[in-house]
PDB file of all heavy atoms in Angstrom:
ATOM      1  N   ALA A   1      62.521  64.597 140.978  1.00  0.00           N
ATOM      2  CA  ALA A   1      61.081  64.696 140.760  1.00  0.00           C
ATOM      3  C   ALA A   1      60.373  63.914 141.829  1.00  0.00           C
ATOM      4  O   ALA A   1      59.178  64.353 142.186  1.00  0.00           O
ATOM      5  CB  ALA A   1      60.738  64.045 139.375  1.00  0.00           C
ATOM      6  N   GLU A   2      60.902  62.862 142.369  1.00  0.00           N
ATOM      7  CA  GLU A   2      60.269  62.150 143.468  1.00  0.00           C
ATOM      8  C   GLU A   2      60.272  62.964 144.753  1.00  0.00           C
ATOM      9  O   GLU A   2      59.346  62.874 145.578  1.00  0.00           O
ATOM     10  CB  GLU A   2      60.963  60.833 143.673  1.00  0.00           C
ATOM     11  CG  GLU A   2      60.745  59.775 142.600  1.00  0.00           C
ATOM     12  CD  GLU A   2      61.537  58.513 142.873  1.00  0.00           C
ATOM     13  OE1 GLU A   2      62.159  58.444 143.970  1.00  0.00           O
ATOM     14  OE2 GLU A   2      61.502  57.574 142.037  1.00  0.00           O
ATOM     15  N   ALA A   3      61.340  63.718 144.965  1.00  0.00           N
ATOM     16  CA  ALA A   3      61.461  64.515 146.228  1.00  0.00           C
ATOM     17  C   ALA A   3      60.730  65.806 146.190  1.00  0.00           C
ATOM     18  O   ALA A   3      60.145  66.188 147.210  1.00  0.00           O
ATOM     19  CB  ALA A   3      62.972  64.753 146.439  1.00  0.00           C
ATOM     20  N   ILE A   4      60.695  66.524 145.097  1.00  0.00           N
ATOM     21  CA  ILE A   4      60.081  67.875 144.989  1.00  0.00           C
ATOM     22  C   ILE A   4      58.926  67.807 144.031  1.00  0.00           C
ATOM     23  O   ILE A   4      59.078  67.498 142.832  1.00  0.00           O
ATOM     24  CB  ILE A   4      61.068  68.955 144.563  1.00  0.00           C
ATOM     25  CG1 ILE A   4      62.336  68.928 145.470  1.00  0.00           C
ATOM     26  CG2 ILE A   4      60.399  70.328 144.518  1.00  0.00           C
ATOM     27  CD1 ILE A   4      63.405  69.889 145.035  1.00  0.00           C
ATOM     28  N   ASP A   5      57.695  68.093 144.460  1.00  0.00           N
ATOM     29  CA  ASP A   5      56.517  67.963 143.601  1.00  0.00           C
ATOM     30  C   ASP A   5      56.362  69.243 142.771  1.00  0.00           C
ATOM     31  O   ASP A   5      57.144  70.195 142.842  1.00  0.00           O
ATOM     32  CB  ASP A   5      55.227  67.593 144.387  1.00  0.00           C
ATOM     33  CG  ASP A   5      54.815  68.697 145.369  1.00  0.00           C
ATOM     34  OD1 ASP A   5      55.139  69.884 145.123  1.00  0.00           O
ATOM     35  OD2 ASP A   5      54.171  68.351 146.376  1.00  0.00           O
ATOM     36  N   SER A   6      55.306  69.226 141.973  1.00  0.00           N
ATOM     37  CA  SER A   6      55.048  70.334 140.994  1.00  0.00           C
ATOM     38  C   SER A   6      54.735  71.648 141.642  1.00  0.00           C
ATOM     39  O   SER A   6      54.882  72.731 141.107  1.00  0.00           O
ATOM     40  CB  SER A   6      53.946  69.991 140.067  1.00  0.00           C
ATOM     41  OG  SER A   6      52.688  69.690 140.808  1.00  0.00           O
ATOM     42  N   GLU A   7      54.340  71.553 142.946  1.00  0.00           N
ATOM     43  CA  GLU A   7      54.032  72.833 143.693  1.00  0.00           C
ATOM     44  C   GLU A   7      55.246  73.305 144.564  1.00  0.00           C
ATOM     45  O   GLU A   7      55.087  74.261 145.342  1.00  0.00           O
ATOM     46  CB  GLU A   7      52.830  72.589 144.599  1.00  0.00           C
ATOM     47  CG  GLU A   7      51.529  72.327 143.782  1.00  0.00           C
ATOM     48  CD  GLU A   7      50.316  72.136 144.715  1.00  0.00           C
ATOM     49  OE1 GLU A   7      50.523  72.234 145.951  1.00  0.00           O
ATOM     50  OE2 GLU A   7      49.242  72.003 144.188  1.00  0.00           O
ATOM     51  N   GLY A   8      56.330  72.646 144.412  1.00  0.00           N
ATOM     52  CA  GLY A   8      57.537  73.048 145.119  1.00  0.00           C
ATOM     53  C   GLY A   8      57.739  72.504 146.497  1.00  0.00           C
ATOM     54  O   GLY A   8      58.620  72.891 147.267  1.00  0.00           O
ATOM     55  N   TRP A   9      56.827  71.526 146.875  1.00  0.00           N
ATOM     56  CA  TRP A   9      56.946  70.928 148.177  1.00  0.00           C
ATOM     57  C   TRP A   9      57.997  69.790 148.190  1.00  0.00           C
ATOM     58  O   TRP A   9      57.958  68.927 147.372  1.00  0.00           O
ATOM     59  CB  TRP A   9      55.583  70.369 148.624  1.00  0.00           C
ATOM     60  CG  TRP A   9      54.538  71.308 148.987  1.00  0.00           C
ATOM     61  CD1 TRP A   9      53.482  71.751 148.227  1.00  0.00           C
ATOM     62  CD2 TRP A   9      54.457  72.078 150.203  1.00  0.00           C
ATOM     63  NE1 TRP A   9      52.739  72.627 148.845  1.00  0.00           N
ATOM     64  CE2 TRP A   9      53.295  72.930 150.119  1.00  0.00           C
ATOM     65  CE3 TRP A   9      55.216  72.163 151.327  1.00  0.00           C
ATOM     66  CZ2 TRP A   9      52.929  73.780 151.088  1.00  0.00           C
ATOM     67  CZ3 TRP A   9      54.856  73.044 152.370  1.00  0.00           C
ATOM     68  CH2 TRP A   9      53.685  73.818 152.226  1.00  0.00           C
ATOM     69  N   LEU A  10      58.929  69.938 149.122  1.00  0.00           N
ATOM     70  CA  LEU A  10      59.898  68.834 149.321  1.00  0.00           C
ATOM     71  C   LEU A  10      59.296  67.791 150.246  1.00  0.00           C
ATOM     72  O   LEU A  10      58.856  68.056 151.336  1.00  0.00           O
ATOM     73  CB  LEU A  10      61.217  69.373 149.970  1.00  0.00           C
ATOM     74  CG  LEU A  10      62.188  68.274 150.329  1.00  0.00           C
ATOM     75  CD1 LEU A  10      62.887  67.686 149.076  1.00  0.00           C
ATOM     76  CD2 LEU A  10      63.267  68.848 151.322  1.00  0.00           C
ATOM     77  N   HIS A  11      59.240  66.545 149.763  1.00  0.00           N
ATOM     78  CA  HIS A  11      58.764  65.413 150.597  1.00  0.00           C
ATOM     79  C   HIS A  11      59.921  64.828 151.353  1.00  0.00           C
ATOM     80  O   HIS A  11      60.754  64.191 150.785  1.00  0.00           O
ATOM     81  CB  HIS A  11      58.077  64.378 149.674  1.00  0.00           C
ATOM     82  CG  HIS A  11      56.841  64.874 148.974  1.00  0.00           C
ATOM     83  ND1 HIS A  11      55.553  64.338 149.266  1.00  0.00           N
ATOM     84  CD2 HIS A  11      56.619  65.860 148.096  1.00  0.00           C
ATOM     85  CE1 HIS A  11      54.679  64.977 148.522  1.00  0.00           C
ATOM     86  NE2 HIS A  11      55.305  65.908 147.808  1.00  0.00           N
ATOM     87  N   THR A  12      59.922  65.119 152.671  1.00  0.00           N
ATOM     88  CA  THR A  12      61.101  64.775 153.494  1.00  0.00           C
ATOM     89  C   THR A  12      61.284  63.319 153.816  1.00  0.00           C
ATOM     90  O   THR A  12      62.385  62.883 154.085  1.00  0.00           O
ATOM     91  CB  THR A  12      61.014  65.547 154.827  1.00  0.00           C
ATOM     92  OG1 THR A  12      59.892  65.041 155.558  1.00  0.00           O
ATOM     93  CG2 THR A  12      60.843  67.054 154.579  1.00  0.00           C
ATOM     94  N   GLY A  13      60.180  62.609 153.780  1.00  0.00           N
ATOM     95  CA  GLY A  13      60.281  61.166 154.213  1.00  0.00           C
ATOM     96  C   GLY A  13      60.199  60.996 155.699  1.00  0.00           C
ATOM     97  O   GLY A  13      60.135  59.856 156.206  1.00  0.00           O
ATOM     98  N   ASP A  14      60.102  62.153 156.436  1.00  0.00           N
ATOM     99  CA  ASP A  14      59.965  62.067 157.880  1.00  0.00           C
ATOM    100  C   ASP A  14      58.461  62.173 158.202  1.00  0.00           C
ATOM    101  O   ASP A  14      57.688  62.841 157.571  1.00  0.00           O
ATOM    102  CB  ASP A  14      60.698  63.291 158.615  1.00  0.00           C
ATOM    103  CG  ASP A  14      62.174  63.074 158.416  1.00  0.00           C
ATOM    104  OD1 ASP A  14      62.730  62.005 158.684  1.00  0.00           O
ATOM    105  OD2 ASP A  14      62.865  64.130 158.062  1.00  0.00           O
ATOM    106  N   ILE A  15      58.095  61.493 159.262  1.00  0.00           N
ATOM    107  CA  ILE A  15      56.661  61.416 159.721  1.00  0.00           C
ATOM    108  C   ILE A  15      56.540  62.229 161.034  1.00  0.00           C
ATOM    109  O   ILE A  15      57.420  62.140 161.910  1.00  0.00           O
ATOM    110  CB  ILE A  15      56.240  59.993 160.000  1.00  0.00           C
ATOM    111  CG1 ILE A  15      56.396  59.129 158.759  1.00  0.00           C
ATOM    112  CG2 ILE A  15      54.771  59.999 160.519  1.00  0.00           C
ATOM    113  CD1 ILE A  15      55.578  59.549 157.571  1.00  0.00           C
ATOM    114  N   GLY A  16      55.532  63.051 161.119  1.00  0.00           N
ATOM    115  CA  GLY A  16      55.302  63.841 162.271  1.00  0.00           C
ATOM    116  C   GLY A  16      53.928  64.466 162.309  1.00  0.00           C
ATOM    117  O   GLY A  16      53.116  64.194 161.408  1.00  0.00           O
ATOM    118  N   PHE A  17      53.677  65.352 163.270  1.00  0.00           N
ATOM    119  CA  PHE A  17      52.436  66.059 163.308  1.00  0.00           C
ATOM    120  C   PHE A  17      52.615  67.365 164.007  1.00  0.00           C
ATOM    121  O   PHE A  17      53.620  67.635 164.682  1.00  0.00           O
ATOM    122  CB  PHE A  17      51.351  65.202 164.059  1.00  0.00           C
ATOM    123  CG  PHE A  17      51.661  64.988 165.520  1.00  0.00           C
ATOM    124  CD1 PHE A  17      51.127  65.799 166.498  1.00  0.00           C
ATOM    125  CD2 PHE A  17      52.465  63.936 165.956  1.00  0.00           C
ATOM    126  CE1 PHE A  17      51.366  65.586 167.880  1.00  0.00           C
ATOM    127  CE2 PHE A  17      52.712  63.665 167.266  1.00  0.00           C
ATOM    128  CZ  PHE A  17      52.210  64.533 168.241  1.00  0.00           C
ATOM    129  N   ILE A  18      51.639  68.269 163.837  1.00  0.00           N
ATOM    130  CA  ILE A  18      51.670  69.598 164.459  1.00  0.00           C
ATOM    131  C   ILE A  18      50.819  69.561 165.703  1.00  0.00           C
ATOM    132  O   ILE A  18      49.604  69.289 165.569  1.00  0.00           O
ATOM    133  CB  ILE A  18      51.268  70.698 163.517  1.00  0.00           C
ATOM    134  CG1 ILE A  18      52.187  70.746 162.276  1.00  0.00           C
ATOM    135  CG2 ILE A  18      51.185  72.003 164.189  1.00  0.00           C
ATOM    136  CD1 ILE A  18      51.785  71.711 161.223  1.00  0.00           C
ATOM    137  N   ASP A  19      51.371  69.765 166.867  1.00  0.00           N
ATOM    138  CA  ASP A  19      50.690  69.688 168.113  1.00  0.00           C
ATOM    139  C   ASP A  19      49.674  70.867 168.191  1.00  0.00           C
ATOM    140  O   ASP A  19      50.088  72.026 168.182  1.00  0.00           O
ATOM    141  CB  ASP A  19      51.667  69.795 169.272  1.00  0.00           C
ATOM    142  CG  ASP A  19      50.995  69.476 170.645  1.00  0.00           C
ATOM    143  OD1 ASP A  19      49.785  69.691 170.780  1.00  0.00           O
ATOM    144  OD2 ASP A  19      51.719  68.922 171.490  1.00  0.00           O
ATOM    145  N   PRO A  20      48.384  70.584 168.241  1.00  0.00           N
ATOM    146  CA  PRO A  20      47.355  71.670 168.236  1.00  0.00           C
ATOM    147  C   PRO A  20      47.417  72.537 169.473  1.00  0.00           C
ATOM    148  O   PRO A  20      46.984  73.664 169.492  1.00  0.00           O
ATOM    149  CB  PRO A  20      46.035  70.887 168.207  1.00  0.00           C
ATOM    150  CG  PRO A  20      46.315  69.523 168.680  1.00  0.00           C
ATOM    151  CD  PRO A  20      47.711  69.239 168.253  1.00  0.00           C
ATOM    152  N   LYS A  21      48.087  72.086 170.588  1.00  0.00           N
ATOM    153  CA  LYS A  21      48.146  72.840 171.800  1.00  0.00           C
ATOM    154  C   LYS A  21      49.115  74.052 171.680  1.00  0.00           C
ATOM    155  O   LYS A  21      48.831  75.141 172.210  1.00  0.00           O
ATOM    156  CB  LYS A  21      48.674  71.976 172.962  1.00  0.00           C
ATOM    157  CG  LYS A  21      47.717  70.842 173.309  1.00  0.00           C
ATOM    158  CD  LYS A  21      48.281  69.950 174.442  1.00  0.00           C
ATOM    159  CE  LYS A  21      47.369  68.834 174.737  1.00  0.00           C
ATOM    160  NZ  LYS A  21      48.027  67.919 175.877  1.00  0.00           N
ATOM    161  N   ASN A  22      50.178  73.855 170.928  1.00  0.00           N
ATOM    162  CA  ASN A  22      51.189  74.897 170.853  1.00  0.00           C
ATOM    163  C   ASN A  22      51.656  75.169 169.433  1.00  0.00           C
ATOM    164  O   ASN A  22      52.603  76.026 169.226  1.00  0.00           O
ATOM    165  CB  ASN A  22      52.394  74.569 171.754  1.00  0.00           C
ATOM    166  CG  ASN A  22      52.836  73.130 171.599  1.00  0.00           C
ATOM    167  OD1 ASN A  22      52.953  72.610 170.469  1.00  0.00           O
ATOM    168  ND2 ASN A  22      53.077  72.419 172.743  1.00  0.00           N
ATOM    169  N   GLY A  23      51.181  74.451 168.444  1.00  0.00           N
ATOM    170  CA  GLY A  23      51.644  74.681 167.093  1.00  0.00           C
ATOM    171  C   GLY A  23      53.035  74.185 166.753  1.00  0.00           C
ATOM    172  O   GLY A  23      53.586  74.470 165.712  1.00  0.00           O
ATOM    173  N   CYS A  24      53.627  73.396 167.713  1.00  0.00           N
ATOM    174  CA  CYS A  24      54.950  72.912 167.558  1.00  0.00           C
ATOM    175  C   CYS A  24      54.931  71.603 166.757  1.00  0.00           C
ATOM    176  O   CYS A  24      53.992  70.819 166.820  1.00  0.00           O
ATOM    177  CB  CYS A  24      55.664  72.712 168.898  1.00  0.00           C
ATOM    178  SG  CYS A  24      56.040  74.221 169.683  1.00  0.00           S
ATOM    179  N   ILE A  25      56.045  71.316 166.088  1.00  0.00           N
ATOM    180  CA  ILE A  25      56.112  70.102 165.244  1.00  0.00           C
ATOM    181  C   ILE A  25      56.776  68.970 166.045  1.00  0.00           C
ATOM    182  O   ILE A  25      57.822  69.205 166.697  1.00  0.00           O
ATOM    183  CB  ILE A  25      56.998  70.364 163.979  1.00  0.00           C
ATOM    184  CG1 ILE A  25      56.387  71.519 163.212  1.00  0.00           C
ATOM    185  CG2 ILE A  25      57.147  69.122 163.188  1.00  0.00           C
ATOM    186  CD1 ILE A  25      57.357  72.118 162.180  1.00  0.00           C
ATOM    187  N   ARG A  26      56.112  67.867 166.009  1.00  0.00           N
ATOM    188  CA  ARG A  26      56.645  66.635 166.696  1.00  0.00           C
ATOM    189  C   ARG A  26      56.976  65.609 165.595  1.00  0.00           C
ATOM    190  O   ARG A  26      56.136  65.265 164.808  1.00  0.00           O
ATOM    191  CB  ARG A  26      55.693  66.095 167.738  1.00  0.00           C
ATOM    192  CG  ARG A  26      55.479  66.963 168.972  1.00  0.00           C
ATOM    193  CD  ARG A  26      54.554  66.331 169.951  1.00  0.00           C
ATOM    194  NE  ARG A  26      54.332  67.208 171.109  1.00  0.00           N
ATOM    195  CZ  ARG A  26      55.097  67.212 172.238  1.00  0.00           C
ATOM    196  NH1 ARG A  26      56.093  66.362 172.302  1.00  0.00           N
ATOM    197  NH2 ARG A  26      54.806  68.037 173.195  1.00  0.00           N
ATOM    198  N   ILE A  27      58.146  65.091 165.655  1.00  0.00           N
ATOM    199  CA  ILE A  27      58.609  64.116 164.688  1.00  0.00           C
ATOM    200  C   ILE A  27      58.599  62.728 165.310  1.00  0.00           C
ATOM    201  O   ILE A  27      59.086  62.539 166.402  1.00  0.00           O
ATOM    202  CB  ILE A  27      60.040  64.405 164.182  1.00  0.00           C
ATOM    203  CG1 ILE A  27      60.036  65.821 163.489  1.00  0.00           C
ATOM    204  CG2 ILE A  27      60.473  63.352 163.199  1.00  0.00           C
ATOM    205  CD1 ILE A  27      61.402  66.272 163.126  1.00  0.00           C
ATOM    206  N   THR A  28      57.914  61.834 164.660  1.00  0.00           N
ATOM    207  CA  THR A  28      57.687  60.506 165.252  1.00  0.00           C
ATOM    208  C   THR A  28      58.530  59.382 164.590  1.00  0.00           C
ATOM    209  O   THR A  28      58.725  58.325 165.174  1.00  0.00           O
ATOM    210  CB  THR A  28      56.184  60.125 165.241  1.00  0.00           C
ATOM    211  OG1 THR A  28      55.728  60.236 163.892  1.00  0.00           O
ATOM    212  CG2 THR A  28      55.417  61.011 166.080  1.00  0.00           C
ATOM    213  N   GLY A  29      59.000  59.586 163.360  1.00  0.00           N
ATOM    214  CA  GLY A  29      59.773  58.533 162.733  1.00  0.00           C
ATOM    215  C   GLY A  29      60.015  58.762 161.247  1.00  0.00           C
ATOM    216  O   GLY A  29      59.705  59.888 160.727  1.00  0.00           O
ATOM    217  N   ARG A  30      60.604  57.812 160.590  1.00  0.00           N
ATOM    218  CA  ARG A  30      60.868  57.864 159.210  1.00  0.00           C
ATOM    219  C   ARG A  30      59.873  57.022 158.397  1.00  0.00           C
ATOM    220  O   ARG A  30      59.471  55.906 158.867  1.00  0.00           O
ATOM    221  CB  ARG A  30      62.285  57.351 158.905  1.00  0.00           C
ATOM    222  CG  ARG A  30      63.372  58.286 159.251  1.00  0.00           C
ATOM    223  CD  ARG A  30      63.504  59.433 158.243  1.00  0.00           C
ATOM    224  NE  ARG A  30      63.863  59.030 156.925  1.00  0.00           N
ATOM    225  CZ  ARG A  30      63.908  59.816 155.859  1.00  0.00           C
ATOM    226  NH1 ARG A  30      63.467  61.075 155.996  1.00  0.00           N
ATOM    227  NH2 ARG A  30      64.232  59.348 154.669  1.00  0.00           N
ATOM    228  N   GLN A  31      59.398  57.509 157.261  1.00  0.00           N
ATOM    229  CA  GLN A  31      58.429  56.760 156.453  1.00  0.00           C
ATOM    230  C   GLN A  31      58.969  55.432 156.009  1.00  0.00           C
ATOM    231  O   GLN A  31      58.217  54.412 156.084  1.00  0.00           O
ATOM    232  CB  GLN A  31      58.112  57.639 155.238  1.00  0.00           C
ATOM    233  CG  GLN A  31      56.892  57.183 154.393  1.00  0.00           C
ATOM    234  CD  GLN A  31      56.536  58.160 153.293  1.00  0.00           C
ATOM    235  OE1 GLN A  31      57.423  58.643 152.602  1.00  0.00           O
ATOM    236  NE2 GLN A  31      55.262  58.525 153.254  1.00  0.00           N
ATOM    237  N   LYS A  32      60.248  55.377 155.713  1.00  0.00           N
ATOM    238  CA  LYS A  32      60.843  54.137 155.208  1.00  0.00           C
ATOM    239  C   LYS A  32      60.947  53.058 156.293  1.00  0.00           C
ATOM    240  O   LYS A  32      60.983  51.905 156.056  1.00  0.00           O
ATOM    241  CB  LYS A  32      62.149  54.361 154.538  1.00  0.00           C
ATOM    242  CG  LYS A  32      62.049  55.103 153.175  1.00  0.00           C
ATOM    243  CD  LYS A  32      63.366  55.266 152.525  1.00  0.00           C
ATOM    244  CE  LYS A  32      63.191  55.941 151.143  1.00  0.00           C
ATOM    245  NZ  LYS A  32      64.511  56.165 150.506  1.00  0.00           N
ATOM    246  N   SER A  33      61.122  53.515 157.535  1.00  0.00           N
ATOM    247  CA  SER A  33      61.341  52.568 158.657  1.00  0.00           C
ATOM    248  C   SER A  33      60.036  52.197 159.333  1.00  0.00           C
ATOM    249  O   SER A  33      60.033  51.335 160.256  1.00  0.00           O
ATOM    250  CB  SER A  33      62.318  53.158 159.693  1.00  0.00           C
ATOM    251  OG  SER A  33      61.709  54.313 160.294  1.00  0.00           O
ATOM    252  N   MET A  34      58.931  52.853 158.983  1.00  0.00           N
ATOM    253  CA  MET A  34      57.642  52.575 159.601  1.00  0.00           C
ATOM    254  C   MET A  34      57.167  51.155 159.351  1.00  0.00           C
ATOM    255  O   MET A  34      57.322  50.601 158.299  1.00  0.00           O
ATOM    256  CB  MET A  34      56.573  53.520 159.031  1.00  0.00           C
ATOM    257  CG  MET A  34      55.183  53.361 159.587  1.00  0.00           C
ATOM    258  SD  MET A  34      54.024  54.687 158.915  1.00  0.00           S
ATOM    259  CE  MET A  34      54.007  54.241 157.186  1.00  0.00           C
ATOM    260  N   ILE A  35      56.690  50.487 160.469  1.00  0.00           N
ATOM    261  CA  ILE A  35      56.189  49.115 160.411  1.00  0.00           C
ATOM    262  C   ILE A  35      54.660  49.099 160.426  1.00  0.00           C
ATOM    263  O   ILE A  35      54.117  49.706 161.363  1.00  0.00           O
ATOM    264  CB  ILE A  35      56.760  48.280 161.603  1.00  0.00           C
ATOM    265  CG1 ILE A  35      58.283  48.350 161.654  1.00  0.00           C
ATOM    266  CG2 ILE A  35      56.227  46.890 161.521  1.00  0.00           C
ATOM    267  CD1 ILE A  35      58.906  47.824 162.965  1.00  0.00           C
TER     268      ILE A  35
END
């Protein structure tokens, strides 16, 4: 229940963003290791 929400989204625990220049995903780190 913590990992998959009511809408079916899996919360990966990984942090990243979608680069607006090319639509590619960049991963920057893990939520648990973030300082």
